Amino acid sequence: MVRKLKYHEQKLLRRLELVSWEAAGGSLAEVRALRRYRLGRREDYVQYKALARSVRALARRLRDLGPASAAFRARCAAALLEKLYGLGLVSSRRSLAVCERLSAAAFCRRRLPCLLVKLRMAQSLRHAVTFVEQGHVRLGPEVVTDPALLVPRAVEDFITWVDASRLRQKVLDYNQERDDFDLAA
C-alpha cells in the first residue's frame, strides 16, 4: 500500500503524471537533441523528425522504381536533391543515398542560432538563441526574433547584425571600423 500524499507533496507533483511519464517525455535521444540544439519547443523536433522520415520514404520509393521509369526517376531524384541542397540539408547533389541518411539533426543544424555559431557571430548556441530572441540579428532587411527559423543556403550570406544593435557597435569598436558619423548618432 502506498500512503496518501500530503498537501504540499501533491502541490509539488501536480504537473507530473506518475503513470505515463515515459510517453509524455519522449525518448532519451530526443531529450539530448533538444538540449544539444537548444530547441525551445519539442513540437519543432517532432516536426523535423516527420519531415526527415517523409524525405527518406520518398527517396526509397524513387530508388525502388523499375527500369521502365528510369527517366522519371532521374528527373524526380534530381529535383529532390536540388531542393534539399538548396535548403542546406544535404552536402552534395550526387545520389539519393544522402537523402536516405537524412535525419532531424540536419534540420536542427539549419536553424538560425546554429548558423550564428557556425559563422562565429556567437560563442555558443545559448548565446546565439539569446541574440536572436532579443532582436540583434537580421536576415536580409528583416529583423528575426524566432530562433526556429530555417535558413536556406542562398540566404545564409545575408545574416548580419541589426544596425542599431549594441553587439554590432561592440564588434565595430573592436575591429576599429566604427564610422565617425555613427558616434554622433
Protein backbone atom coordinates (compact mmCIF):
# COMPACT_ATOMS: atom_id res chain seq x y z
CA MET A 1 0.00 0.00 0.00
CA VAL A 2 1.12 3.46 -0.79
CA ARG A 3 0.28 6.22 1.61
CA LYS A 4 -1.78 9.18 0.55
CA LEU A 5 0.28 12.23 -0.40
CA LYS A 6 0.21 15.23 1.89
CA TYR A 7 -0.96 18.59 0.60
CA HIS A 8 2.50 20.05 -0.03
CA GLU A 9 3.58 16.85 -1.81
CA GLN A 10 0.51 16.98 -4.05
CA LYS A 11 1.25 20.61 -4.82
CA LEU A 12 4.82 19.79 -5.85
CA LEU A 13 3.72 16.89 -8.04
CA ARG A 14 0.59 18.42 -9.55
CA ARG A 15 2.03 18.62 -13.09
CA LEU A 16 3.66 15.21 -13.01
CA GLU A 17 1.86 12.11 -14.15
CA LEU A 18 3.45 9.13 -12.46
CA VAL A 19 1.57 6.65 -14.63
CA SER A 20 2.54 7.72 -18.15
CA TRP A 21 5.70 9.79 -17.70
CA GLU A 22 7.72 7.95 -20.36
CA ALA A 23 5.17 8.55 -23.10
CA ALA A 24 4.87 12.23 -22.26
CA GLY A 25 8.58 12.98 -22.06
CA GLY A 26 9.83 11.32 -25.22
CA SER A 27 12.92 9.26 -25.74
CA LEU A 28 16.37 9.92 -24.38
CA ALA A 29 17.71 10.69 -27.86
CA GLU A 30 15.01 13.29 -28.29
CA VAL A 31 15.89 14.97 -24.99
CA ARG A 32 19.56 15.00 -25.98
CA ALA A 33 18.71 16.66 -29.30
CA LEU A 34 16.53 19.23 -27.58
CA ARG A 35 19.40 20.15 -25.27
CA ARG A 36 22.15 19.97 -27.89
CA TYR A 37 20.43 22.26 -30.39
CA ARG A 38 18.68 24.42 -27.76
CA LEU A 39 15.23 23.76 -29.15
CA GLY A 40 12.63 25.68 -27.21
CA ARG A 41 9.71 23.56 -28.29
CA ARG A 42 9.52 19.78 -28.53
CA GLU A 43 6.99 20.13 -31.36
CA ASP A 44 9.70 21.57 -33.62
CA TYR A 45 11.84 18.46 -33.21
CA VAL A 46 8.85 16.18 -33.79
CA GLN A 47 8.11 18.08 -36.99
CA TYR A 48 11.75 17.79 -38.11
CA LYS A 49 11.63 14.04 -37.49
CA ALA A 50 8.45 13.73 -39.55
CA LEU A 51 9.94 15.74 -42.42
CA ALA A 52 13.12 13.66 -42.41
CA ARG A 53 11.07 10.47 -42.36
CA SER A 54 9.00 11.59 -45.34
CA VAL A 55 12.12 12.55 -47.32
CA ARG A 56 13.68 9.16 -46.58
CA ALA A 57 10.47 7.40 -47.65
CA LEU A 58 10.35 9.41 -50.87
CA ALA A 59 13.99 8.57 -51.61
CA ARG A 60 13.28 4.87 -51.04
CA ARG A 61 10.27 4.98 -53.35
CA LEU A 62 12.34 6.67 -56.05
CA ARG A 63 15.10 4.11 -55.62
CA ASP A 64 12.66 1.21 -55.92
CA LEU A 65 11.10 2.38 -59.19
CA GLY A 66 11.55 -0.09 -62.02
CA PRO A 67 13.84 0.26 -65.04
CA ALA A 68 10.88 1.24 -67.22
CA SER A 69 10.65 4.61 -65.49
CA ALA A 70 14.35 5.49 -65.40
CA ALA A 71 13.86 8.93 -66.97
CA PHE A 72 11.12 9.83 -64.49
CA ARG A 73 13.23 8.55 -61.60
CA ALA A 74 16.26 10.57 -62.70
CA ARG A 75 14.18 13.73 -63.12
CA CYS A 76 12.47 13.38 -59.72
CA ALA A 77 15.69 12.44 -57.94
CA ALA A 78 17.46 15.48 -59.39
CA ALA A 79 14.59 17.74 -58.30
CA LEU A 80 14.60 16.28 -54.77
CA LEU A 81 18.37 16.57 -54.44
CA GLU A 82 18.32 20.13 -55.77
CA LYS A 83 15.62 21.11 -53.28
CA LEU A 84 17.43 19.53 -50.32
CA TYR A 85 20.77 21.02 -51.39
CA GLY A 86 19.16 24.47 -51.71
CA LEU A 87 17.80 24.15 -48.19
CA GLY A 88 21.24 23.08 -46.97
CA LEU A 89 20.09 19.71 -45.67
CA VAL A 90 22.47 17.63 -47.82
CA SER A 91 26.05 18.40 -48.75
CA SER A 92 26.05 17.10 -52.32
CA ARG A 93 23.64 16.56 -55.20
CA ARG A 94 25.17 13.30 -56.41
CA SER A 95 22.96 10.43 -55.30
CA LEU A 96 19.85 9.50 -53.38
CA ALA A 97 21.99 7.75 -50.77
CA VAL A 98 22.46 11.06 -48.95
CA CYS A 99 18.67 11.51 -48.85
CA GLU A 100 18.23 8.10 -47.25
CA ARG A 101 20.53 9.13 -44.40
CA LEU A 102 18.76 12.45 -43.73
CA SER A 103 17.93 12.98 -40.06
CA ALA A 104 16.18 15.55 -37.92
CA ALA A 105 19.58 16.84 -36.84
CA ALA A 106 20.11 18.18 -40.37
CA PHE A 107 17.07 20.40 -39.92
CA CYS A 108 18.31 21.48 -36.48
CA ARG A 109 21.69 22.45 -37.96
CA ARG A 110 19.97 24.81 -40.42
CA ARG A 111 18.29 26.83 -37.68
CA LEU A 112 19.41 30.44 -37.32
CA PRO A 113 21.22 30.08 -33.94
CA CYS A 114 23.27 27.14 -35.23
CA LEU A 115 24.32 29.17 -38.24
CA LEU A 116 25.28 32.07 -35.98
CA VAL A 117 27.67 29.75 -34.17
CA LYS A 118 28.95 28.38 -37.48
CA LEU A 119 29.58 31.91 -38.78
CA ARG A 120 31.28 32.77 -35.47
CA MET A 121 28.84 35.53 -34.66
CA ALA A 122 28.15 33.86 -31.30
CA GLN A 123 30.36 31.83 -28.97
CA SER A 124 27.79 29.24 -28.05
CA LEU A 125 24.34 28.12 -29.01
CA ARG A 126 22.90 29.52 -25.81
CA HIS A 127 24.22 32.99 -26.65
CA ALA A 128 23.03 32.70 -30.24
CA VAL A 129 19.48 31.86 -29.14
CA THR A 130 19.55 34.85 -26.78
CA PHE A 131 20.80 37.19 -29.54
CA VAL A 132 18.03 36.07 -31.89
CA GLU A 133 15.29 36.34 -29.27
CA GLN A 134 16.43 39.82 -28.26
CA GLY A 135 16.35 41.03 -31.88
CA HIS A 136 20.06 41.58 -32.55
CA VAL A 137 20.10 39.57 -35.78
CA ARG A 138 18.57 40.28 -39.15
CA LEU A 139 18.20 38.14 -42.23
CA GLY A 140 18.39 40.42 -45.22
CA PRO A 141 16.34 43.53 -44.40
CA GLU A 142 14.10 41.91 -41.77
CA VAL A 143 14.82 41.54 -38.06
CA VAL A 144 14.36 37.94 -36.90
CA THR A 145 13.23 37.09 -33.38
CA ASP A 146 12.28 33.44 -33.92
CA PRO A 147 15.17 31.02 -33.27
CA ALA A 148 13.28 28.23 -35.08
CA LEU A 149 13.81 29.88 -38.48
CA LEU A 150 15.35 27.51 -41.03
CA VAL A 151 17.84 29.36 -43.21
CA PRO A 152 18.31 28.17 -46.82
CA ARG A 153 21.77 28.03 -48.34
CA ALA A 154 21.12 31.02 -50.65
CA VAL A 155 20.13 33.33 -47.78
CA GLU A 156 22.94 32.27 -45.44
CA ASP A 157 25.19 35.10 -46.65
CA PHE A 158 22.66 37.74 -45.62
CA ILE A 159 22.80 37.05 -41.88
CA THR A 160 24.02 40.24 -40.20
CA TRP A 161 23.62 42.30 -37.06
CA VAL A 162 20.83 44.85 -36.79
CA ASP A 163 22.13 48.38 -37.43
CA ALA A 164 21.06 49.69 -34.02
CA SER A 165 22.36 46.65 -32.16
CA ARG A 166 24.79 47.17 -29.30
CA LEU A 167 26.55 43.97 -30.33
CA ARG A 168 27.24 45.37 -33.79
CA GLN A 169 28.67 48.52 -32.25
CA LYS A 170 30.93 46.46 -29.97
CA VAL A 171 32.18 44.39 -32.92
CA LEU A 172 32.89 47.53 -34.96
CA ASP A 173 34.70 49.13 -32.00
CA TYR A 174 36.79 46.01 -31.51
CA ASN A 175 37.75 45.86 -35.19
CA GLN A 176 38.28 49.66 -35.24
CA GLU A 177 35.83 50.02 -38.12
CA ARG A 178 33.22 52.24 -36.50
CA ASP A 179 32.36 55.29 -38.54
CA ASP A 180 32.63 58.78 -37.02
CA PHE A 181 29.12 59.53 -38.23
CA ASP A 182 27.85 56.68 -36.05
CA LEU A 183 29.47 58.24 -32.99
CA ALA A 184 27.39 61.42 -33.43
CA ALA A 185 24.14 59.48 -33.71
